[in-house]
């Protein structure tokens, strides 16, 4: 898994609550268990018109947000079905951090296992970032997982955040569940030999 240490990137505002996994990646795209190739499926029902053309009103089709690596959204992001394809689609598109006041539990856990930082911030701080991203399209945020801080270039936004130490360690070192287990390979071998 690709480590997540620091990120500097454009913020895309998705001012919606209860964005479920079927909206993140519609079920029709769940034909593969490979972790790649889902970037075009991300928010497909919102990103594309019925004829397949890009919907110019959807945030990721707006030129200033098209290359976003940070997504800021409303509460309960990732609710609905438990599909690991949702963080895969975000990561494949290039979004490495989602900031929201709350996340659905399974989606939240799946993000950490797939190299996406789901960052929980208080609603007023999420609103501050959302408003700034909407009023200043193309604004970039810095997300530093090691120092647990988010800020913009002028430091008009400067936010410290808390995160579970084990999840932080896994992301910073690029370790999924298998990687975490392999860290203990010597101990496992010693146990098996006894």
Protein backbone atom coordinates (compact mmCIF):
# COMPACT_ATOMS: atom_id res chain seq x y z
CA UNK A 1 0.00 0.00 0.00
CA UNK A 2 1.23 3.49 -0.80
CA UNK A 3 2.27 5.34 2.38
CA UNK A 4 0.47 8.52 3.39
CA UNK A 5 2.78 10.98 5.11
CA UNK A 6 2.09 14.45 3.68
CA UNK A 7 -0.27 15.62 1.00
CA UNK A 8 -0.56 18.94 -0.77
CA UNK A 9 -3.45 19.21 -3.16
CA UNK A 10 -6.56 20.87 -4.49
CA UNK A 11 -9.68 20.61 -2.33
CA UNK A 12 -13.00 19.70 -3.95
CA UNK A 13 -16.12 20.65 -1.97
CA UNK A 14 -18.93 18.08 -2.02
CA UNK A 15 -21.54 19.84 0.09
CA UNK A 16 -23.79 16.83 0.63
CA UNK A 17 -24.61 14.71 3.67
CA UNK A 18 -25.18 10.96 3.75
CA UNK A 19 -23.17 10.28 0.60
CA UNK A 20 -23.47 6.51 0.39
CA UNK A 21 -21.16 3.97 -1.18
CA UNK A 22 -23.54 3.44 -4.10
CA UNK A 23 -23.15 7.12 -4.93
CA UNK A 24 -19.38 6.92 -4.51
CA UNK A 25 -19.27 3.94 -6.90
CA UNK A 26 -22.52 2.59 -8.36
CA UNK A 27 -23.05 -1.17 -8.09
CA UNK A 28 -22.89 -1.64 -11.86
CA UNK A 29 -19.10 -1.07 -11.63
CA UNK A 30 -18.48 -3.81 -9.04
CA UNK A 31 -17.51 -6.48 -11.55
CA UNK A 32 -13.85 -6.67 -10.60
CA UNK A 33 -11.98 -7.43 -7.40
CA UNK A 34 -8.80 -5.77 -8.66
CA UNK A 35 -7.95 -2.57 -6.80
CA UNK A 36 -7.43 -0.51 -9.94
CA UNK A 37 -9.41 0.89 -12.84
CA UNK A 38 -12.25 2.48 -10.89
CA UNK A 39 -11.36 6.16 -11.38
CA UNK A 40 -13.99 6.69 -14.09
CA UNK A 41 -16.66 5.06 -11.92
CA UNK A 42 -16.18 7.48 -9.02
CA UNK A 43 -19.46 9.37 -8.50
CA UNK A 44 -20.51 8.17 -11.98
CA UNK A 45 -24.21 8.90 -11.51
CA UNK A 46 -23.36 12.52 -10.64
CA UNK A 47 -20.32 13.02 -12.89
CA UNK A 48 -21.95 11.95 -16.13
CA UNK A 49 -25.16 12.78 -17.96
CA UNK A 50 -27.38 9.97 -19.27
CA UNK A 51 -25.60 10.14 -22.63
CA UNK A 52 -22.22 9.59 -20.93
CA UNK A 53 -21.02 13.16 -21.35
CA UNK A 54 -19.53 14.95 -18.33
CA UNK A 55 -22.04 16.78 -16.16
CA UNK A 56 -20.61 20.32 -16.04
CA UNK A 57 -22.42 21.02 -12.77
CA UNK A 58 -20.69 18.26 -10.80
CA UNK A 59 -17.75 19.48 -8.73
CA UNK A 60 -15.12 17.09 -10.12
CA UNK A 61 -15.95 18.23 -13.66
CA UNK A 62 -15.30 21.88 -12.82
CA UNK A 63 -11.79 22.64 -14.17
CA UNK A 64 -10.49 24.11 -10.88
CA UNK A 65 -11.44 20.95 -8.96
CA UNK A 66 -10.76 18.31 -11.61
CA UNK A 67 -7.38 17.27 -10.15
CA UNK A 68 -8.47 17.32 -6.51
CA UNK A 69 -6.63 15.09 -4.07
CA UNK A 70 -8.65 16.22 -1.04
CA UNK A 71 -12.43 15.94 -0.83
CA UNK A 72 -14.42 17.79 1.83
CA UNK A 73 -17.95 16.55 2.43
CA UNK A 74 -20.87 16.52 4.84
CA UNK A 75 -21.60 14.17 7.72
CA UNK A 76 -22.03 10.40 7.45
CA UNK A 77 -19.85 10.07 4.36
CA UNK A 78 -19.57 6.50 3.05
CA UNK A 79 -22.80 5.19 4.54
CA UNK A 80 -24.77 2.38 2.89
CA UNK A 81 -23.37 -0.91 1.66
CA UNK A 82 -20.01 -2.14 2.86
CA UNK A 83 -18.02 -2.12 -0.35
CA UNK A 84 -14.27 -1.74 -0.42
CA UNK A 85 -14.60 -0.50 -3.99
CA UNK A 86 -15.57 2.94 -2.64
CA UNK A 87 -12.12 3.81 -1.22
CA UNK A 88 -10.54 2.09 -4.24
CA UNK A 89 -12.44 4.45 -6.57
CA UNK A 90 -11.42 7.50 -4.53
CA UNK A 91 -7.78 6.43 -4.47
CA UNK A 92 -7.76 5.49 -8.19
CA UNK A 93 -9.11 8.96 -9.03
CA UNK A 94 -6.35 10.54 -6.93
CA UNK A 95 -8.26 11.52 -3.79
CA UNK A 96 -6.07 10.55 -0.84
CA UNK A 97 -7.92 12.41 1.92
CA UNK A 98 -11.61 12.86 2.66
CA UNK A 99 -12.52 15.42 5.31
CA UNK A 100 -15.96 15.20 6.92
CA UNK A 101 -17.64 15.61 10.33
CA UNK A 102 -18.38 11.86 10.43
CA UNK A 103 -18.03 8.68 8.39
CA UNK A 104 -19.85 5.37 8.28
CA UNK A 105 -17.81 2.86 10.31
CA UNK A 106 -17.10 0.26 7.62
CA UNK A 107 -16.16 2.88 5.03
CA UNK A 108 -13.93 4.63 7.58
CA UNK A 109 -12.08 1.38 8.33
CA UNK A 110 -11.78 0.49 4.64
CA UNK A 111 -10.15 3.84 3.89
CA UNK A 112 -7.27 3.16 6.26
CA UNK A 113 -6.78 -0.28 4.71
CA UNK A 114 -6.54 1.25 1.23
CA UNK A 115 -4.34 4.31 1.61
CA UNK A 116 -7.03 6.99 1.98
CA UNK A 117 -7.05 9.21 5.07
CA UNK A 118 -10.62 9.74 6.36
CA UNK A 119 -10.19 12.84 8.47
CA UNK A 120 -12.89 13.59 11.06
CA UNK A 121 -13.09 17.26 11.98
CA UNK A 122 -15.72 19.25 13.91
CA UNK A 123 -18.60 20.50 11.71
CA UNK A 124 -17.55 24.14 12.02
CA UNK A 125 -14.04 23.37 10.76
CA UNK A 126 -15.39 21.27 7.90
CA UNK A 127 -17.69 24.19 7.00
CA UNK A 128 -14.71 26.57 7.09
CA UNK A 129 -12.80 24.39 4.60
CA UNK A 130 -15.92 23.87 2.46
CA UNK A 131 -16.65 27.61 2.30
CA UNK A 132 -13.03 28.41 1.44
CA UNK A 133 -12.94 25.76 -1.31
CA UNK A 134 -16.21 27.07 -2.78
CA UNK A 135 -15.21 30.75 -2.65
CA UNK A 136 -11.66 30.16 -3.86
CA UNK A 137 -11.79 27.29 -6.42
CA UNK A 138 -8.46 25.56 -6.78
CA UNK A 139 -7.35 26.26 -3.21
CA UNK A 140 -4.80 23.76 -1.99
CA UNK A 141 -4.55 22.22 1.45
CA UNK A 142 -1.59 20.64 3.15
CA UNK A 143 -2.37 17.52 5.15
CA UNK A 144 0.49 16.31 7.34
CA UNK A 145 -0.34 13.03 9.02
CA UNK A 146 2.89 12.94 11.04
CA UNK A 147 2.30 16.35 12.65
CA UNK A 148 -1.50 15.85 12.54
CA UNK A 149 -2.19 19.21 10.96
CA UNK A 150 -4.14 20.66 8.02
CA UNK A 151 -3.48 24.15 6.63
CA UNK A 152 -3.77 26.27 3.51
CA UNK A 153 -0.99 28.32 1.91
CA UNK A 154 -1.79 31.54 3.80
CA UNK A 155 -2.60 29.64 7.00
CA UNK A 156 -6.06 31.18 7.07
CA UNK A 157 -7.01 27.59 7.73
CA UNK A 158 -4.83 25.90 10.32
CA UNK A 159 -6.29 22.88 12.09
CA UNK A 160 -4.77 20.22 14.31
CA UNK A 161 -6.46 16.85 14.42
CA UNK A 162 -6.45 13.68 16.49
CA UNK A 163 -6.06 10.22 15.03
CA UNK A 164 -5.64 6.74 16.43
CA UNK A 165 -1.92 6.02 16.79
CA UNK A 166 -2.12 2.52 15.28
CA UNK A 167 -4.03 3.73 12.21
CA UNK A 168 -1.58 6.61 11.80
CA UNK A 169 1.38 4.23 11.99
CA UNK A 170 -0.15 1.91 9.40
CA UNK A 171 -0.85 4.74 6.92
CA UNK A 172 2.50 6.47 7.39
CA UNK A 173 4.27 3.15 6.77
CA UNK A 174 1.95 2.02 3.98
CA UNK A 175 0.81 -1.10 5.81
CA UNK A 176 -2.50 -2.81 5.18
CA UNK A 177 -3.65 -5.74 7.34
CA UNK A 178 -1.27 -8.14 5.60
CA UNK A 179 1.62 -5.71 5.98
CA UNK A 180 0.87 -5.30 9.67
CA UNK A 181 0.88 -9.09 10.09
CA UNK A 182 4.15 -9.44 8.18
CA UNK A 183 5.74 -6.97 10.60
CA UNK A 184 5.47 -9.79 13.13
CA UNK A 185 6.83 -12.47 10.79
CA UNK A 186 9.79 -13.31 13.03
CA UNK A 187 7.59 -13.65 16.12
CA UNK A 188 5.15 -15.81 14.16
CA UNK A 189 8.00 -18.00 12.95
CA UNK A 190 9.40 -18.32 16.47
CA UNK A 191 5.95 -19.32 17.78
CA UNK A 192 5.44 -21.88 15.02
CA UNK A 193 8.83 -23.46 15.64
CA UNK A 194 8.00 -23.92 19.35
